[in-house]
Amino acid sequence: MTAAAALNAVVVAMLLTLSLAGCDILPHRASAREQRESAATQVVTFHALYSRQCAGCHGRDGRLGAARPLNDPVYLALVPVPRLRQVIAEGVPGTAQPAFAIDAGGALTDEQIDSLTEGLRAAWSRPDALRGGSVPPYAAALGDPERGRAVYAAACASCIGVAVK
């Protein structure tokens, strides 16, 4: 074997080794995508989940975001835990609140959704938030749309604009 042929063989062997080392499809090796997805579903701490999934809309500390503040003890006292979990898991149709549960098209496991629900309450609720006040029902029957239109026209339309039906 000539020196040139030996050098070519070494170069080919090195290139083959390098290409296989970075290959995602070797047997018994998870793809980079599977590794990322697996790592993402293993994150269960409230602060890590909140930072990754919620802070972009609700603000880093649960306030001063584009969406409703979650660092609101009164809100957390009014919203029942099952409803808070449902909003996180299934989203709110007709709004910008997306569904986060895997079975609803999101990326979070049930354990992660439970962690967010419990973490919101642990981080920002206060047992005395409604001291001395009565709590109205969270979900009530819808009111009269015609009366609502009249109230909006009288109290809101001059600043916000005419409501679209």
N, C-alpha and C. Protein backbone atom coordinates (compact mmCIF):
# COMPACT_ATOMS: atom_id res chain seq x y z
N MET A 1 0.86 -1.17 0.00
CA MET A 1 0.00 0.00 0.00
C MET A 1 0.90 1.23 0.00
N THR A 2 0.56 2.18 -0.86
CA THR A 2 1.37 3.39 -0.96
C THR A 2 1.02 4.32 0.18
N ALA A 3 1.88 5.29 0.38
CA ALA A 3 1.65 6.27 1.45
C ALA A 3 0.38 7.06 1.20
N ALA A 4 0.12 7.39 -0.06
CA ALA A 4 -1.08 8.16 -0.40
C ALA A 4 -2.34 7.33 -0.13
N ALA A 5 -2.32 6.05 -0.47
CA ALA A 5 -3.47 5.18 -0.24
C ALA A 5 -3.70 5.01 1.27
N ALA A 6 -2.61 4.87 2.02
CA ALA A 6 -2.72 4.72 3.47
C ALA A 6 -3.32 5.99 4.09
N LEU A 7 -2.87 7.13 3.61
CA LEU A 7 -3.39 8.42 4.11
C LEU A 7 -4.87 8.55 3.77
N ASN A 8 -5.24 8.17 2.55
CA ASN A 8 -6.66 8.21 2.16
C ASN A 8 -7.50 7.29 3.05
N ALA A 9 -7.00 6.12 3.36
CA ALA A 9 -7.72 5.17 4.21
C ALA A 9 -7.92 5.75 5.62
N VAL A 10 -6.88 6.42 6.14
CA VAL A 10 -6.97 7.03 7.47
C VAL A 10 -8.00 8.17 7.46
N VAL A 11 -7.98 8.99 6.43
CA VAL A 11 -8.92 10.11 6.32
C VAL A 11 -10.35 9.58 6.22
N VAL A 12 -10.56 8.58 5.40
CA VAL A 12 -11.90 7.99 5.25
C VAL A 12 -12.37 7.40 6.58
N ALA A 13 -11.49 6.72 7.30
CA ALA A 13 -11.84 6.13 8.60
C ALA A 13 -12.20 7.22 9.60
N MET A 14 -11.44 8.32 9.60
CA MET A 14 -11.73 9.43 10.52
C MET A 14 -13.08 10.07 10.18
N LEU A 15 -13.33 10.30 8.89
CA LEU A 15 -14.60 10.90 8.49
C LEU A 15 -15.78 10.01 8.85
N LEU A 16 -15.64 8.72 8.65
CA LEU A 16 -16.68 7.77 8.99
C LEU A 16 -16.94 7.77 10.49
N THR A 17 -15.89 7.79 11.27
CA THR A 17 -16.01 7.81 12.73
C THR A 17 -16.72 9.08 13.19
N LEU A 18 -16.32 10.23 12.65
CA LEU A 18 -16.94 11.50 13.02
C LEU A 18 -18.41 11.54 12.62
N SER A 19 -18.73 11.04 11.44
CA SER A 19 -20.13 11.08 11.00
C SER A 19 -21.00 10.16 11.85
N LEU A 20 -20.49 9.02 12.25
CA LEU A 20 -21.27 8.11 13.09
C LEU A 20 -21.41 8.64 14.51
N ALA A 21 -20.42 9.34 15.00
CA ALA A 21 -20.47 9.88 16.36
C ALA A 21 -21.60 10.90 16.50
N GLY A 22 -21.90 11.63 15.44
CA GLY A 22 -22.95 12.63 15.49
C GLY A 22 -24.28 12.14 14.96
N CYS A 23 -24.39 10.90 14.64
CA CYS A 23 -25.59 10.35 14.03
C CYS A 23 -26.67 10.09 15.07
N ASP A 24 -27.88 10.55 14.78
CA ASP A 24 -29.00 10.35 15.69
C ASP A 24 -29.72 9.03 15.49
N ILE A 25 -29.38 8.29 14.45
CA ILE A 25 -30.17 7.11 14.14
C ILE A 25 -29.47 5.79 14.45
N LEU A 26 -28.44 5.83 15.25
CA LEU A 26 -27.79 4.58 15.65
C LEU A 26 -28.74 3.79 16.53
N PRO A 27 -28.68 2.48 16.49
CA PRO A 27 -29.56 1.66 17.35
C PRO A 27 -29.33 1.98 18.82
N HIS A 28 -30.39 1.97 19.59
CA HIS A 28 -30.36 2.21 21.04
C HIS A 28 -29.91 3.61 21.41
N ARG A 29 -30.03 4.55 20.49
CA ARG A 29 -29.67 5.93 20.80
C ARG A 29 -30.86 6.82 20.46
N ALA A 30 -31.33 7.57 21.43
CA ALA A 30 -32.47 8.46 21.19
C ALA A 30 -32.03 9.61 20.29
N SER A 31 -32.95 10.06 19.47
CA SER A 31 -32.65 11.19 18.60
C SER A 31 -32.55 12.46 19.46
N ALA A 32 -31.96 13.49 18.89
CA ALA A 32 -31.83 14.76 19.62
C ALA A 32 -33.22 15.28 19.99
N ARG A 33 -34.18 15.12 19.07
CA ARG A 33 -35.55 15.57 19.34
C ARG A 33 -36.15 14.78 20.50
N GLU A 34 -35.97 13.47 20.52
CA GLU A 34 -36.50 12.64 21.61
C GLU A 34 -35.83 13.00 22.93
N GLN A 35 -34.54 13.30 22.89
CA GLN A 35 -33.84 13.68 24.11
C GLN A 35 -34.39 15.01 24.64
N ARG A 36 -34.65 15.98 23.75
CA ARG A 36 -35.21 17.27 24.18
C ARG A 36 -36.60 17.09 24.75
N GLU A 37 -37.45 16.29 24.06
CA GLU A 37 -38.81 16.06 24.54
C GLU A 37 -38.81 15.35 25.89
N SER A 38 -37.93 14.36 26.03
CA SER A 38 -37.84 13.63 27.29
C SER A 38 -37.40 14.57 28.41
N ALA A 39 -36.40 15.40 28.13
CA ALA A 39 -35.92 16.34 29.14
C ALA A 39 -37.01 17.34 29.50
N ALA A 40 -37.77 17.80 28.50
CA ALA A 40 -38.82 18.78 28.76
C ALA A 40 -39.93 18.21 29.63
N THR A 41 -40.27 16.94 29.47
CA THR A 41 -41.33 16.35 30.28
C THR A 41 -40.84 15.96 31.67
N GLN A 42 -39.54 15.99 31.90
CA GLN A 42 -39.00 15.65 33.21
C GLN A 42 -38.90 16.86 34.14
N VAL A 43 -39.04 18.06 33.60
CA VAL A 43 -39.00 19.27 34.42
C VAL A 43 -40.33 19.37 35.17
N VAL A 44 -40.28 19.35 36.50
CA VAL A 44 -41.51 19.40 37.27
C VAL A 44 -41.50 20.47 38.36
N THR A 45 -40.44 21.23 38.48
CA THR A 45 -40.43 22.28 39.50
C THR A 45 -41.23 23.48 39.01
N PHE A 46 -41.98 24.08 39.91
CA PHE A 46 -42.85 25.19 39.55
C PHE A 46 -42.09 26.31 38.86
N HIS A 47 -41.00 26.79 39.46
CA HIS A 47 -40.31 27.96 38.91
C HIS A 47 -39.76 27.69 37.51
N ALA A 48 -39.22 26.50 37.28
CA ALA A 48 -38.70 26.17 35.94
C ALA A 48 -39.83 26.10 34.93
N LEU A 49 -40.93 25.46 35.29
CA LEU A 49 -42.08 25.36 34.39
C LEU A 49 -42.69 26.73 34.13
N TYR A 50 -42.87 27.52 35.20
CA TYR A 50 -43.46 28.85 35.04
C TYR A 50 -42.58 29.71 34.13
N SER A 51 -41.29 29.69 34.35
CA SER A 51 -40.38 30.50 33.53
C SER A 51 -40.45 30.10 32.07
N ARG A 52 -40.53 28.81 31.81
CA ARG A 52 -40.52 28.30 30.44
C ARG A 52 -41.87 28.44 29.75
N GLN A 53 -42.97 28.23 30.48
CA GLN A 53 -44.29 28.14 29.85
C GLN A 53 -45.19 29.36 30.06
N CYS A 54 -45.03 30.08 31.15
CA CYS A 54 -46.01 31.10 31.53
C CYS A 54 -45.49 32.53 31.54
N ALA A 55 -44.22 32.70 31.90
CA ALA A 55 -43.68 34.04 32.13
C ALA A 55 -43.75 34.94 30.90
N GLY A 56 -43.68 34.37 29.72
CA GLY A 56 -43.73 35.18 28.50
C GLY A 56 -45.00 36.00 28.40
N CYS A 57 -46.11 35.47 28.87
CA CYS A 57 -47.39 36.18 28.80
C CYS A 57 -47.81 36.79 30.14
N HIS A 58 -47.54 36.09 31.24
CA HIS A 58 -48.02 36.54 32.54
C HIS A 58 -46.97 37.31 33.34
N GLY A 59 -45.79 37.48 32.79
CA GLY A 59 -44.74 38.23 33.47
C GLY A 59 -43.85 37.34 34.31
N ARG A 60 -42.61 37.73 34.43
CA ARG A 60 -41.61 36.92 35.14
C ARG A 60 -42.02 36.62 36.57
N ASP A 61 -42.59 37.60 37.25
CA ASP A 61 -43.01 37.42 38.64
C ASP A 61 -44.52 37.31 38.77
N GLY A 62 -45.18 36.94 37.68
CA GLY A 62 -46.63 36.78 37.72
C GLY A 62 -47.40 38.07 37.54
N ARG A 63 -46.73 39.13 37.19
CA ARG A 63 -47.39 40.41 36.94
C ARG A 63 -46.60 41.18 35.91
N LEU A 64 -47.19 42.18 35.40
CA LEU A 64 -46.59 43.05 34.38
C LEU A 64 -46.31 42.31 33.07
N GLY A 65 -47.15 41.35 32.75
CA GLY A 65 -47.08 40.68 31.46
C GLY A 65 -48.24 41.14 30.60
N ALA A 66 -48.30 40.62 29.39
CA ALA A 66 -49.38 40.98 28.48
C ALA A 66 -50.71 40.36 28.90
N ALA A 67 -50.68 39.24 29.61
CA ALA A 67 -51.89 38.56 30.04
C ALA A 67 -52.20 38.88 31.50
N ARG A 68 -53.32 38.38 31.97
CA ARG A 68 -53.78 38.64 33.34
C ARG A 68 -52.70 38.29 34.36
N PRO A 69 -52.51 39.11 35.38
CA PRO A 69 -51.53 38.81 36.42
C PRO A 69 -51.94 37.56 37.20
N LEU A 70 -50.99 36.68 37.43
CA LEU A 70 -51.26 35.49 38.24
C LEU A 70 -50.78 35.68 39.68
N ASN A 71 -49.95 36.69 39.89
CA ASN A 71 -49.49 37.03 41.22
C ASN A 71 -50.54 37.94 41.84
N ASP A 72 -51.73 37.39 42.00
CA ASP A 72 -52.90 38.14 42.47
C ASP A 72 -53.64 37.28 43.49
N PRO A 73 -53.42 37.53 44.78
CA PRO A 73 -54.03 36.70 45.82
C PRO A 73 -55.56 36.67 45.76
N VAL A 74 -56.18 37.77 45.35
CA VAL A 74 -57.64 37.79 45.27
C VAL A 74 -58.11 36.86 44.16
N TYR A 75 -57.48 36.94 43.00
CA TYR A 75 -57.82 36.04 41.89
C TYR A 75 -57.64 34.59 42.31
N LEU A 76 -56.53 34.28 42.94
CA LEU A 76 -56.26 32.91 43.37
C LEU A 76 -57.22 32.45 44.46
N ALA A 77 -57.77 33.38 45.25
CA ALA A 77 -58.76 33.01 46.25
C ALA A 77 -60.12 32.75 45.62
N LEU A 78 -60.41 33.41 44.51
CA LEU A 78 -61.70 33.27 43.85
C LEU A 78 -61.79 32.05 42.93
N VAL A 79 -60.69 31.72 42.26
CA VAL A 79 -60.72 30.65 41.26
C VAL A 79 -60.52 29.30 41.95
N PRO A 80 -61.49 28.40 41.79
CA PRO A 80 -61.32 27.06 42.38
C PRO A 80 -60.14 26.33 41.73
N VAL A 81 -59.46 25.51 42.50
CA VAL A 81 -58.30 24.76 42.01
C VAL A 81 -58.63 23.95 40.75
N PRO A 82 -59.76 23.23 40.70
CA PRO A 82 -60.04 22.46 39.47
C PRO A 82 -60.17 23.36 38.23
N ARG A 83 -60.72 24.56 38.39
CA ARG A 83 -60.85 25.48 37.25
C ARG A 83 -59.48 26.01 36.84
N LEU A 84 -58.63 26.34 37.78
CA LEU A 84 -57.29 26.81 37.46
C LEU A 84 -56.53 25.74 36.69
N ARG A 85 -56.64 24.50 37.14
CA ARG A 85 -55.98 23.39 36.45
C ARG A 85 -56.55 23.21 35.05
N GLN A 86 -57.86 23.33 34.91
CA GLN A 86 -58.51 23.18 33.61
C GLN A 86 -58.04 24.26 32.63
N VAL A 87 -57.91 25.48 33.10
CA VAL A 87 -57.43 26.57 32.23
C VAL A 87 -56.02 26.28 31.74
N ILE A 88 -55.16 25.81 32.62
CA ILE A 88 -53.79 25.48 32.23
C ILE A 88 -53.79 24.31 31.25
N ALA A 89 -54.54 23.29 31.56
CA ALA A 89 -54.53 22.07 30.74
C ALA A 89 -55.22 22.27 29.39
N GLU A 90 -56.41 22.85 29.39
CA GLU A 90 -57.22 22.91 28.18
C GLU A 90 -57.23 24.27 27.48
N GLY A 91 -56.67 25.30 28.13
CA GLY A 91 -56.72 26.63 27.56
C GLY A 91 -58.10 27.23 27.68
N VAL A 92 -58.28 28.40 27.10
CA VAL A 92 -59.58 29.07 27.11
C VAL A 92 -59.94 29.42 25.67
N PRO A 93 -60.90 28.70 25.10
CA PRO A 93 -61.28 28.96 23.71
C PRO A 93 -61.68 30.43 23.50
N GLY A 94 -61.29 30.98 22.37
CA GLY A 94 -61.62 32.36 22.05
C GLY A 94 -60.69 33.37 22.67
N THR A 95 -59.65 32.90 23.38
CA THR A 95 -58.67 33.81 23.99
C THR A 95 -57.28 33.38 23.57
N ALA A 96 -56.29 34.10 24.03
CA ALA A 96 -54.90 33.75 23.72
C ALA A 96 -54.34 32.68 24.66
N GLN A 97 -55.13 32.22 25.65
CA GLN A 97 -54.67 31.19 26.59
C GLN A 97 -54.67 29.84 25.90
N PRO A 98 -53.47 29.29 25.61
CA PRO A 98 -53.41 28.00 24.92
C PRO A 98 -53.59 26.83 25.88
N ALA A 99 -53.85 25.68 25.30
CA ALA A 99 -53.90 24.43 26.06
C ALA A 99 -52.47 23.94 26.23
N PHE A 100 -52.12 23.51 27.45
CA PHE A 100 -50.77 23.04 27.71
C PHE A 100 -50.69 21.53 27.91
N ALA A 101 -51.83 20.86 28.12
CA ALA A 101 -51.81 19.41 28.34
C ALA A 101 -51.46 18.69 27.04
N ILE A 102 -50.70 17.63 27.16
CA ILE A 102 -50.31 16.84 25.99
C ILE A 102 -51.54 16.35 25.25
N ASP A 103 -52.55 15.86 25.98
CA ASP A 103 -53.74 15.34 25.30
C ASP A 103 -54.62 16.43 24.68
N ALA A 104 -54.29 17.69 24.93
CA ALA A 104 -55.01 18.80 24.31
C ALA A 104 -54.14 19.51 23.27
N GLY A 105 -53.00 18.91 22.93
CA GLY A 105 -52.12 19.48 21.92
C GLY A 105 -50.95 20.27 22.47
N GLY A 106 -50.83 20.36 23.80
CA GLY A 106 -49.73 21.07 24.42
C GLY A 106 -48.54 20.16 24.66
N ALA A 107 -47.64 20.60 25.53
CA ALA A 107 -46.41 19.86 25.75
C ALA A 107 -46.22 19.41 27.20
N LEU A 108 -47.20 19.66 28.07
CA LEU A 108 -47.01 19.36 29.49
C LEU A 108 -47.74 18.10 29.92
N THR A 109 -47.10 17.37 30.81
CA THR A 109 -47.70 16.16 31.39
C THR A 109 -48.67 16.57 32.50
N ASP A 110 -49.47 15.63 32.96
CA ASP A 110 -50.38 15.89 34.08
C ASP A 110 -49.60 16.32 35.32
N GLU A 111 -48.46 15.67 35.55
CA GLU A 111 -47.63 16.02 36.71
C GLU A 111 -47.15 17.46 36.62
N GLN A 112 -46.77 17.91 35.44
CA GLN A 112 -46.31 19.29 35.27
C GLN A 112 -47.45 20.29 35.46
N ILE A 113 -48.63 19.95 34.97
CA ILE A 113 -49.78 20.84 35.15
C ILE A 113 -50.14 20.93 36.63
N ASP A 114 -50.09 19.81 37.34
CA ASP A 114 -50.33 19.83 38.78
C ASP A 114 -49.30 20.69 39.49
N SER A 115 -48.05 20.61 39.06
CA SER A 115 -46.99 21.41 39.66
C SER A 115 -47.25 22.90 39.45
N LEU A 116 -47.69 23.27 38.26
CA LEU A 116 -48.01 24.69 38.01
C LEU A 116 -49.19 25.14 38.86
N THR A 117 -50.23 24.32 38.91
CA THR A 117 -51.43 24.68 39.69
C THR A 117 -51.08 24.87 41.17
N GLU A 118 -50.39 23.90 41.72
CA GLU A 118 -50.00 23.97 43.13
C GLU A 118 -49.00 25.10 43.37
N GLY A 119 -48.08 25.27 42.43
CA GLY A 119 -47.05 26.31 42.58
C GLY A 119 -47.61 27.71 42.55
N LEU A 120 -48.59 27.96 41.68
CA LEU A 120 -49.22 29.27 41.64
C LEU A 120 -49.83 29.61 42.99
N ARG A 121 -50.52 28.66 43.55
CA ARG A 121 -51.16 28.90 44.84
C ARG A 121 -50.12 29.03 45.97
N ALA A 122 -49.10 28.19 45.95
CA ALA A 122 -48.08 28.24 46.99
C ALA A 122 -47.27 29.55 46.92
N ALA A 123 -46.98 29.99 45.72
CA ALA A 123 -46.14 31.18 45.55
C ALA A 123 -46.90 32.48 45.81
N TRP A 124 -48.17 32.54 45.37
CA TRP A 124 -48.82 33.85 45.34
C TRP A 124 -50.17 33.97 46.02
N SER A 125 -50.72 32.89 46.54
CA SER A 125 -52.00 33.06 47.23
C SER A 125 -51.74 33.47 48.68
N ARG A 126 -52.72 34.12 49.27
CA ARG A 126 -52.65 34.51 50.67
C ARG A 126 -53.98 34.13 51.31
N PRO A 127 -53.94 33.35 52.37
CA PRO A 127 -55.20 32.93 53.00
C PRO A 127 -56.07 34.10 53.45
N ASP A 128 -55.46 35.22 53.79
CA ASP A 128 -56.22 36.35 54.30
C ASP A 128 -56.62 37.35 53.20
N ALA A 129 -56.47 36.99 51.95
CA ALA A 129 -56.73 37.92 50.85
C ALA A 129 -58.17 38.44 50.84
N LEU A 130 -59.10 37.64 51.29
CA LEU A 130 -60.51 38.05 51.28
C LEU A 130 -61.07 38.21 52.69
N ARG A 131 -60.20 38.44 53.64
CA ARG A 131 -60.65 38.58 55.02
C ARG A 131 -61.71 39.68 55.12
N GLY A 132 -62.82 39.32 55.72
CA GLY A 132 -63.89 40.30 55.93
C GLY A 132 -64.79 40.48 54.72
N GLY A 133 -64.50 39.83 53.62
CA GLY A 133 -65.33 39.97 52.43
C GLY A 133 -65.99 38.66 52.09
N SER A 134 -67.03 38.76 51.33
CA SER A 134 -67.69 37.53 50.89
C SER A 134 -67.25 37.22 49.47
N VAL A 135 -67.15 35.95 49.18
CA VAL A 135 -66.68 35.52 47.88
C VAL A 135 -67.87 35.22 46.98
N PRO A 136 -67.98 35.92 45.86
CA PRO A 136 -69.06 35.59 44.94
C PRO A 136 -68.75 34.28 44.24
N PRO A 137 -69.75 33.64 43.67
CA PRO A 137 -69.45 32.39 42.94
C PRO A 137 -68.55 32.69 41.75
N TYR A 138 -67.61 31.78 41.51
CA TYR A 138 -66.69 32.00 40.39
C TYR A 138 -67.43 31.90 39.07
N ALA A 139 -68.26 30.90 38.93
CA ALA A 139 -69.02 30.71 37.70
C ALA A 139 -70.48 31.00 38.01
N ALA A 140 -71.05 31.91 37.31
CA ALA A 140 -72.45 32.26 37.51
C ALA A 140 -73.17 32.21 36.17
N ALA A 141 -74.48 32.17 36.23
CA ALA A 141 -75.27 32.19 34.99
C ALA A 141 -74.99 33.49 34.24
N LEU A 142 -75.01 33.41 32.93
CA LEU A 142 -74.77 34.59 32.12
C LEU A 142 -75.90 35.59 32.31
N GLY A 143 -75.55 36.85 32.22
CA GLY A 143 -76.53 37.91 32.39
C GLY A 143 -77.31 38.17 31.11
N ASP A 144 -77.99 39.30 31.08
CA ASP A 144 -78.81 39.70 29.95
C ASP A 144 -77.93 40.45 28.94
N PRO A 145 -77.73 39.89 27.74
CA PRO A 145 -76.85 40.54 26.75
C PRO A 145 -77.31 41.94 26.37
N GLU A 146 -78.60 42.17 26.29
CA GLU A 146 -79.10 43.51 25.93
C GLU A 146 -78.75 44.53 27.02
N ARG A 147 -78.91 44.13 28.27
CA ARG A 147 -78.55 45.03 29.37
C ARG A 147 -77.04 45.29 29.36
N GLY A 148 -76.26 44.24 29.09
CA GLY A 148 -74.81 44.41 29.00
C GLY A 148 -74.41 45.37 27.90
N ARG A 149 -75.07 45.28 26.73
CA ARG A 149 -74.80 46.21 25.63
C ARG A 149 -75.09 47.65 26.05
N ALA A 150 -76.19 47.85 26.77
CA ALA A 150 -76.57 49.20 27.21
C ALA A 150 -75.54 49.74 28.20
N VAL A 151 -75.10 48.91 29.13
CA VAL A 151 -74.09 49.34 30.11
C VAL A 151 -72.79 49.68 29.39
N TYR A 152 -72.38 48.83 28.45
CA TYR A 152 -71.15 49.08 27.69
C TYR A 152 -71.26 50.39 26.92
N ALA A 153 -72.39 50.61 26.26
CA ALA A 153 -72.58 51.84 25.48
C ALA A 153 -72.49 53.07 26.36
N ALA A 154 -73.06 52.98 27.56
CA ALA A 154 -73.07 54.13 28.46
C ALA A 154 -71.74 54.35 29.17
N ALA A 155 -71.04 53.27 29.56
CA ALA A 155 -69.87 53.42 30.41
C ALA A 155 -68.54 53.18 29.71
N CYS A 156 -68.53 52.47 28.59
CA CYS A 156 -67.26 52.04 28.02
C CYS A 156 -66.99 52.56 26.61
N ALA A 157 -68.01 52.63 25.80
CA ALA A 157 -67.84 52.89 24.37
C ALA A 157 -67.15 54.21 24.06
N SER A 158 -67.33 55.22 24.89
CA SER A 158 -66.72 56.53 24.60
C SER A 158 -65.19 56.46 24.61
N CYS A 159 -64.62 55.57 25.40
CA CYS A 159 -63.15 55.43 25.45
C CYS A 159 -62.65 54.26 24.60
N ILE A 160 -63.36 53.15 24.66
CA ILE A 160 -62.88 51.92 24.02
C ILE A 160 -63.34 51.82 22.59
N GLY A 161 -64.53 52.32 22.32
CA GLY A 161 -65.07 52.23 20.97
C GLY A 161 -66.35 51.42 20.97
N VAL A 162 -67.03 51.46 19.85
CA VAL A 162 -68.28 50.75 19.72
C VAL A 162 -68.03 49.27 19.70
N ALA A 163 -68.81 48.52 20.44
CA ALA A 163 -68.67 47.07 20.51
C ALA A 163 -69.11 46.43 19.20
N VAL A 164 -68.40 45.40 18.82
CA VAL A 164 -68.76 44.63 17.63
C VAL A 164 -69.62 43.47 18.08
N LYS A 165 -70.72 43.22 17.38
CA LYS A 165 -71.62 42.13 17.77
C LYS A 165 -71.07 40.80 17.37
